[in-house]
Amino acid sequence: MSPVSKRTTVYLDPELHRALRIKAAETDQTISELVNSAVRRCLAEDAVDLAAFEDRAGEPSVPYEDVLRELKRRGKLQR
């Protein structure tokens, strides 16, 4: 744990806590390390999604009904 780590209380479902304890023992990691890793992955996925939204911010909006109509016309959706 780094010297600037912050402590917090997280309430886990008993089954999830048991699974984390087992995973920690099997991988020679702490529960904190596993949780930190999982949170980092989750936040990284969000960052990728947000970047994609920013990249496409200038694109024109297309009404949902127009998209459905085009998909049906092209045979991608059943009528």
N, C-alpha and C. Protein backbone atom coordinates (compact mmCIF):
# COMPACT_ATOMS: atom_id res chain seq x y z
N MET A 1 0.85 -1.17 0.00
CA MET A 1 0.00 0.00 0.00
C MET A 1 0.90 1.24 0.00
N SER A 2 0.56 2.22 -0.81
CA SER A 2 1.40 3.41 -0.88
C SER A 2 1.16 4.30 0.34
N PRO A 3 2.12 5.16 0.69
CA PRO A 3 1.96 6.01 1.87
C PRO A 3 0.85 7.04 1.72
N VAL A 4 0.38 7.26 0.50
CA VAL A 4 -0.70 8.23 0.30
C VAL A 4 -2.06 7.54 0.10
N SER A 5 -2.13 6.26 0.38
CA SER A 5 -3.39 5.54 0.25
C SER A 5 -4.42 6.09 1.22
N LYS A 6 -5.67 6.04 0.79
CA LYS A 6 -6.78 6.50 1.62
C LYS A 6 -7.56 5.29 2.09
N ARG A 7 -8.02 5.38 3.30
CA ARG A 7 -8.81 4.29 3.86
C ARG A 7 -10.29 4.64 3.70
N THR A 8 -11.08 3.63 3.37
CA THR A 8 -12.51 3.81 3.23
C THR A 8 -13.23 2.55 3.69
N THR A 9 -14.49 2.68 3.98
CA THR A 9 -15.29 1.52 4.36
C THR A 9 -16.19 1.17 3.18
N VAL A 10 -16.14 -0.08 2.79
CA VAL A 10 -16.97 -0.57 1.70
C VAL A 10 -17.72 -1.78 2.24
N TYR A 11 -19.01 -1.81 2.03
CA TYR A 11 -19.81 -2.95 2.47
C TYR A 11 -20.02 -3.89 1.28
N LEU A 12 -19.59 -5.13 1.45
CA LEU A 12 -19.70 -6.13 0.39
C LEU A 12 -20.69 -7.20 0.77
N ASP A 13 -21.32 -7.77 -0.24
CA ASP A 13 -22.16 -8.94 -0.01
C ASP A 13 -21.26 -10.04 0.55
N PRO A 14 -21.77 -10.84 1.47
CA PRO A 14 -20.95 -11.90 2.06
C PRO A 14 -20.33 -12.84 1.03
N GLU A 15 -21.07 -13.19 -0.03
CA GLU A 15 -20.55 -14.08 -1.05
C GLU A 15 -19.40 -13.42 -1.82
N LEU A 16 -19.55 -12.13 -2.09
CA LEU A 16 -18.51 -11.41 -2.80
C LEU A 16 -17.25 -11.29 -1.94
N HIS A 17 -17.43 -11.02 -0.66
CA HIS A 17 -16.29 -10.93 0.24
C HIS A 17 -15.56 -12.27 0.33
N ARG A 18 -16.30 -13.34 0.41
CA ARG A 18 -15.68 -14.68 0.46
C ARG A 18 -14.90 -14.94 -0.82
N ALA A 19 -15.50 -14.62 -1.97
CA ALA A 19 -14.82 -14.82 -3.25
C ALA A 19 -13.54 -13.98 -3.33
N LEU A 20 -13.60 -12.76 -2.83
CA LEU A 20 -12.41 -11.91 -2.82
C LEU A 20 -11.31 -12.49 -1.93
N ARG A 21 -11.70 -12.99 -0.75
CA ARG A 21 -10.72 -13.59 0.15
C ARG A 21 -10.03 -14.78 -0.51
N ILE A 22 -10.82 -15.61 -1.19
CA ILE A 22 -10.26 -16.78 -1.87
C ILE A 22 -9.34 -16.34 -3.01
N LYS A 23 -9.80 -15.39 -3.81
CA LYS A 23 -8.99 -14.89 -4.92
C LYS A 23 -7.69 -14.27 -4.41
N ALA A 24 -7.77 -13.52 -3.32
CA ALA A 24 -6.57 -12.90 -2.74
C ALA A 24 -5.58 -13.97 -2.31
N ALA A 25 -6.07 -15.02 -1.67
CA ALA A 25 -5.18 -16.10 -1.22
C ALA A 25 -4.56 -16.84 -2.41
N GLU A 26 -5.36 -17.08 -3.44
CA GLU A 26 -4.87 -17.80 -4.61
C GLU A 26 -3.84 -17.01 -5.40
N THR A 27 -3.97 -15.69 -5.40
CA THR A 27 -3.11 -14.85 -6.23
C THR A 27 -2.03 -14.13 -5.43
N ASP A 28 -1.98 -14.40 -4.12
CA ASP A 28 -1.00 -13.76 -3.24
C ASP A 28 -1.10 -12.23 -3.31
N GLN A 29 -2.34 -11.75 -3.33
CA GLN A 29 -2.62 -10.32 -3.31
C GLN A 29 -3.53 -10.03 -2.12
N THR A 30 -3.62 -8.76 -1.76
CA THR A 30 -4.57 -8.38 -0.73
C THR A 30 -5.92 -8.08 -1.37
N ILE A 31 -6.95 -8.07 -0.54
CA ILE A 31 -8.26 -7.68 -1.05
C ILE A 31 -8.20 -6.25 -1.56
N SER A 32 -7.48 -5.39 -0.87
CA SER A 32 -7.34 -4.00 -1.32
C SER A 32 -6.72 -3.93 -2.71
N GLU A 33 -5.70 -4.74 -2.96
CA GLU A 33 -5.07 -4.74 -4.28
C GLU A 33 -6.06 -5.20 -5.36
N LEU A 34 -6.83 -6.23 -5.05
CA LEU A 34 -7.83 -6.71 -6.01
C LEU A 34 -8.89 -5.65 -6.29
N VAL A 35 -9.37 -5.00 -5.23
CA VAL A 35 -10.41 -3.98 -5.39
C VAL A 35 -9.85 -2.79 -6.16
N ASN A 36 -8.64 -2.33 -5.82
CA ASN A 36 -8.03 -1.21 -6.54
C ASN A 36 -7.89 -1.53 -8.02
N SER A 37 -7.46 -2.74 -8.34
CA SER A 37 -7.30 -3.15 -9.73
C SER A 37 -8.63 -3.14 -10.47
N ALA A 38 -9.67 -3.67 -9.83
CA ALA A 38 -10.99 -3.72 -10.45
C ALA A 38 -11.54 -2.31 -10.68
N VAL A 39 -11.36 -1.45 -9.71
CA VAL A 39 -11.85 -0.07 -9.85
C VAL A 39 -11.09 0.65 -10.97
N ARG A 40 -9.78 0.45 -11.03
CA ARG A 40 -8.99 1.06 -12.11
C ARG A 40 -9.48 0.61 -13.48
N ARG A 41 -9.74 -0.70 -13.64
CA ARG A 41 -10.24 -1.22 -14.93
C ARG A 41 -11.59 -0.60 -15.27
N CYS A 42 -12.46 -0.51 -14.30
CA CYS A 42 -13.79 0.06 -14.53
C CYS A 42 -13.68 1.52 -14.96
N LEU A 43 -12.85 2.28 -14.26
CA LEU A 43 -12.68 3.70 -14.60
C LEU A 43 -12.01 3.87 -15.96
N ALA A 44 -11.09 2.98 -16.31
CA ALA A 44 -10.45 3.05 -17.62
C ALA A 44 -11.47 2.82 -18.72
N GLU A 45 -12.39 1.88 -18.52
CA GLU A 45 -13.45 1.65 -19.51
C GLU A 45 -14.30 2.89 -19.67
N ASP A 46 -14.63 3.55 -18.56
CA ASP A 46 -15.40 4.79 -18.63
C ASP A 46 -14.65 5.85 -19.40
N ALA A 47 -13.33 5.95 -19.19
CA ALA A 47 -12.52 6.95 -19.88
C ALA A 47 -12.54 6.71 -21.40
N VAL A 48 -12.49 5.44 -21.80
CA VAL A 48 -12.55 5.12 -23.23
C VAL A 48 -13.90 5.54 -23.80
N ASP A 49 -14.98 5.24 -23.08
CA ASP A 49 -16.32 5.63 -23.53
C ASP A 49 -16.44 7.14 -23.64
N LEU A 50 -15.95 7.86 -22.63
CA LEU A 50 -16.03 9.32 -22.65
C LEU A 50 -15.23 9.92 -23.80
N ALA A 51 -14.07 9.34 -24.09
CA ALA A 51 -13.26 9.81 -25.21
C ALA A 51 -14.00 9.61 -26.53
N ALA A 52 -14.68 8.48 -26.67
CA ALA A 52 -15.45 8.22 -27.89
C ALA A 52 -16.58 9.24 -28.04
N PHE A 53 -17.25 9.56 -26.94
CA PHE A 53 -18.31 10.56 -26.98
C PHE A 53 -17.74 11.91 -27.40
N GLU A 54 -16.58 12.29 -26.85
CA GLU A 54 -15.96 13.56 -27.20
C GLU A 54 -15.56 13.59 -28.67
N ASP A 55 -15.02 12.48 -29.17
CA ASP A 55 -14.61 12.41 -30.57
C ASP A 55 -15.79 12.59 -31.51
N ARG A 56 -16.96 12.15 -31.09
CA ARG A 56 -18.14 12.18 -31.96
C ARG A 56 -19.07 13.35 -31.66
N ALA A 57 -18.65 14.24 -30.76
CA ALA A 57 -19.52 15.35 -30.33
C ALA A 57 -19.97 16.23 -31.48
N GLY A 58 -19.16 16.38 -32.51
CA GLY A 58 -19.51 17.25 -33.63
C GLY A 58 -20.39 16.60 -34.68
N GLU A 59 -20.63 15.31 -34.55
CA GLU A 59 -21.46 14.63 -35.54
C GLU A 59 -22.93 15.04 -35.39
N PRO A 60 -23.63 15.07 -36.49
CA PRO A 60 -25.05 15.45 -36.40
C PRO A 60 -25.87 14.36 -35.70
N SER A 61 -26.93 14.78 -35.05
CA SER A 61 -27.86 13.84 -34.42
C SER A 61 -28.81 13.28 -35.47
N VAL A 62 -29.15 12.03 -35.29
CA VAL A 62 -30.10 11.37 -36.19
C VAL A 62 -31.25 10.88 -35.32
N PRO A 63 -32.47 11.28 -35.65
CA PRO A 63 -33.61 10.81 -34.85
C PRO A 63 -33.69 9.29 -34.83
N TYR A 64 -34.07 8.75 -33.70
CA TYR A 64 -34.18 7.31 -33.49
C TYR A 64 -35.09 6.66 -34.54
N GLU A 65 -36.19 7.31 -34.83
CA GLU A 65 -37.14 6.76 -35.80
C GLU A 65 -36.50 6.63 -37.18
N ASP A 66 -35.64 7.59 -37.55
CA ASP A 66 -34.95 7.52 -38.84
C ASP A 66 -33.99 6.34 -38.89
N VAL A 67 -33.31 6.08 -37.78
CA VAL A 67 -32.39 4.95 -37.72
C VAL A 67 -33.17 3.65 -37.87
N LEU A 68 -34.27 3.52 -37.15
CA LEU A 68 -35.10 2.31 -37.27
C LEU A 68 -35.60 2.11 -38.68
N ARG A 69 -36.10 3.18 -39.29
CA ARG A 69 -36.63 3.11 -40.65
C ARG A 69 -35.53 2.64 -41.62
N GLU A 70 -34.31 3.18 -41.48
CA GLU A 70 -33.20 2.80 -42.36
C GLU A 70 -32.79 1.35 -42.14
N LEU A 71 -32.73 0.90 -40.89
CA LEU A 71 -32.39 -0.50 -40.60
C LEU A 71 -33.43 -1.45 -41.18
N LYS A 72 -34.70 -1.10 -41.09
CA LYS A 72 -35.76 -1.93 -41.67
C LYS A 72 -35.65 -1.96 -43.19
N ARG A 73 -35.38 -0.79 -43.79
CA ARG A 73 -35.27 -0.70 -45.24
C ARG A 73 -34.13 -1.58 -45.75
N ARG A 74 -33.03 -1.64 -45.01
CA ARG A 74 -31.87 -2.42 -45.41
C ARG A 74 -31.99 -3.89 -45.00
N GLY A 75 -33.10 -4.27 -44.38
CA GLY A 75 -33.32 -5.66 -43.99
C GLY A 75 -32.57 -6.09 -42.74
N LYS A 76 -32.08 -5.14 -41.96
CA LYS A 76 -31.34 -5.45 -40.74
C LYS A 76 -32.28 -5.68 -39.55
N LEU A 77 -33.49 -5.19 -39.66
CA LEU A 77 -34.54 -5.40 -38.65
C LEU A 77 -35.77 -5.93 -39.36
N GLN A 78 -36.48 -6.79 -38.65
CA GLN A 78 -37.74 -7.26 -39.21
C GLN A 78 -38.78 -6.16 -39.05
N ARG A 79 -39.65 -6.13 -39.98
CA ARG A 79 -40.69 -5.09 -39.98
C ARG A 79 -41.77 -5.39 -38.98
